[in-house]
């Protein structure tokens, strides 16, 4: 019987990890419970946390070292929750490109349209 490890995922909806015939769904930022109001961006250090069997994680990470979300620091693991959340804080500037837009800080190239206007 293997022990578990906590895996953090900064992707909004998480991701499925497959090793052989085993599949584990990582929780994403949307499942983290650390979100603000629905239309605002999540706090930069938000991560989804998932307990994963250590041997599963080691097999998956060994096969996916070059996977872009791993290389960008969007998926990472630790056996200690405090260390994982500290690492999430350290990686708060790392972006997936899938973050929600804050409507009060729209890029200048976008224009907000009120409902009913075309």
Protein backbone atom coordinates (compact mmCIF):
# COMPACT_ATOMS: atom_id res chain seq x y z
CA UNK A 1 0.00 0.00 0.00
CA UNK A 2 1.46 3.33 -1.02
CA UNK A 3 1.19 6.62 0.77
CA UNK A 4 -0.45 9.66 -0.78
CA UNK A 5 1.00 12.91 -2.06
CA UNK A 6 -0.80 16.22 -2.62
CA UNK A 7 -0.80 17.50 -6.20
CA UNK A 8 -1.54 21.15 -6.98
CA UNK A 9 -3.00 22.22 -10.31
CA UNK A 10 -3.31 25.85 -11.47
CA UNK A 11 -5.42 24.94 -14.52
CA UNK A 12 -9.02 26.17 -14.14
CA UNK A 13 -10.85 22.86 -14.63
CA UNK A 14 -8.08 20.48 -13.64
CA UNK A 15 -6.85 17.65 -15.80
CA UNK A 16 -7.02 13.87 -16.00
CA UNK A 17 -3.79 11.95 -15.41
CA UNK A 18 -3.50 8.46 -16.90
CA UNK A 19 -0.99 5.78 -16.01
CA UNK A 20 -1.73 2.49 -17.71
CA UNK A 21 -5.42 1.79 -17.05
CA UNK A 22 -5.53 4.02 -13.96
CA UNK A 23 -7.00 7.52 -14.17
CA UNK A 24 -6.94 10.31 -11.60
CA UNK A 25 -8.66 13.69 -11.99
CA UNK A 26 -6.72 16.60 -10.58
CA UNK A 27 -8.89 19.36 -9.17
CA UNK A 28 -8.30 22.71 -10.81
CA UNK A 29 -8.57 26.26 -9.52
CA UNK A 30 -12.36 26.22 -10.07
CA UNK A 31 -12.63 23.39 -7.51
CA UNK A 32 -10.22 24.99 -5.04
CA UNK A 33 -12.84 26.77 -2.94
CA UNK A 34 -10.54 29.80 -2.88
CA UNK A 35 -12.31 31.85 -5.56
CA UNK A 36 -13.69 35.36 -5.40
CA UNK A 37 -16.99 36.47 -6.98
CA UNK A 38 -17.80 34.49 -10.16
CA UNK A 39 -16.80 37.17 -12.68
CA UNK A 40 -13.49 38.12 -11.13
CA UNK A 41 -10.13 36.49 -11.40
CA UNK A 42 -9.14 33.93 -8.81
CA UNK A 43 -6.43 34.90 -6.37
CA UNK A 44 -3.06 34.41 -8.02
CA UNK A 45 -2.01 31.70 -5.58
CA UNK A 46 -5.15 29.59 -6.09
CA UNK A 47 -4.62 25.94 -6.85
CA UNK A 48 -6.78 22.88 -6.91
CA UNK A 49 -5.51 20.20 -4.51
CA UNK A 50 -5.86 16.46 -5.01
CA UNK A 51 -4.55 13.51 -3.00
CA UNK A 52 -2.87 11.05 -5.35
CA UNK A 53 -1.12 7.75 -4.58
CA UNK A 54 2.62 8.48 -4.52
CA UNK A 55 3.53 5.61 -6.87
CA UNK A 56 0.91 6.81 -9.40
CA UNK A 57 2.26 10.38 -9.25
CA UNK A 58 5.89 9.24 -9.61
CA UNK A 59 5.01 7.10 -12.66
CA UNK A 60 3.01 9.93 -14.26
CA UNK A 61 5.55 12.70 -13.62
CA UNK A 62 8.38 10.47 -14.86
CA UNK A 63 6.54 10.07 -18.20
CA UNK A 64 5.43 13.72 -18.45
CA UNK A 65 8.42 15.85 -17.43
CA UNK A 66 8.21 17.73 -20.73
CA UNK A 67 4.43 18.33 -20.52
CA UNK A 68 3.98 22.11 -20.85
CA UNK A 69 1.88 22.65 -17.68
CA UNK A 70 4.55 20.76 -15.68
CA UNK A 71 7.39 22.72 -17.29
CA UNK A 72 5.56 26.01 -16.59
CA UNK A 73 5.01 25.08 -12.93
CA UNK A 74 1.24 24.78 -13.22
CA UNK A 75 1.19 21.20 -11.90
CA UNK A 76 3.40 20.32 -8.92
CA UNK A 77 3.34 18.13 -5.82
CA UNK A 78 4.47 17.85 -2.22
CA UNK A 79 3.81 15.53 0.68
CA UNK A 80 3.11 18.54 2.95
CA UNK A 81 0.11 20.84 2.38
CA UNK A 82 1.83 23.92 3.85
CA UNK A 83 4.82 23.46 1.53
CA UNK A 84 2.46 23.05 -1.43
CA UNK A 85 0.56 26.25 -0.61
CA UNK A 86 3.85 28.10 -0.05
CA UNK A 87 4.99 26.91 -3.48
CA UNK A 88 1.66 28.10 -4.94
CA UNK A 89 2.37 31.53 -3.44
CA UNK A 90 5.87 31.48 -4.97
CA UNK A 91 4.33 30.59 -8.35
CA UNK A 92 1.54 33.17 -8.12
CA UNK A 93 2.77 34.94 -11.27
CA UNK A 94 2.72 31.74 -13.34
CA UNK A 95 -0.23 31.94 -15.75
CA UNK A 96 -1.94 29.21 -17.73
CA UNK A 97 -3.55 31.64 -20.20
CA UNK A 98 -6.95 30.28 -19.17
CA UNK A 99 -7.57 32.65 -16.26
CA UNK A 100 -10.89 34.45 -16.04
CA UNK A 101 -11.03 38.10 -17.06
CA UNK A 102 -11.79 40.80 -14.51
CA UNK A 103 -14.42 42.98 -16.24
CA UNK A 104 -13.21 46.09 -14.43
CA UNK A 105 -9.72 45.61 -15.89
CA UNK A 106 -10.47 44.80 -19.53
CA UNK A 107 -7.65 45.22 -22.05
CA UNK A 108 -7.91 48.49 -23.97
CA UNK A 109 -8.61 46.54 -27.17
CA UNK A 110 -11.86 45.14 -25.71
CA UNK A 111 -15.07 47.04 -25.21
CA UNK A 112 -17.73 46.02 -22.72
CA UNK A 113 -21.25 45.85 -24.16
CA UNK A 114 -24.29 46.11 -21.90
CA UNK A 115 -26.94 43.40 -22.18
CA UNK A 116 -29.51 44.16 -24.89
CA UNK A 117 -27.13 46.32 -26.96
CA UNK A 118 -25.72 45.21 -30.25
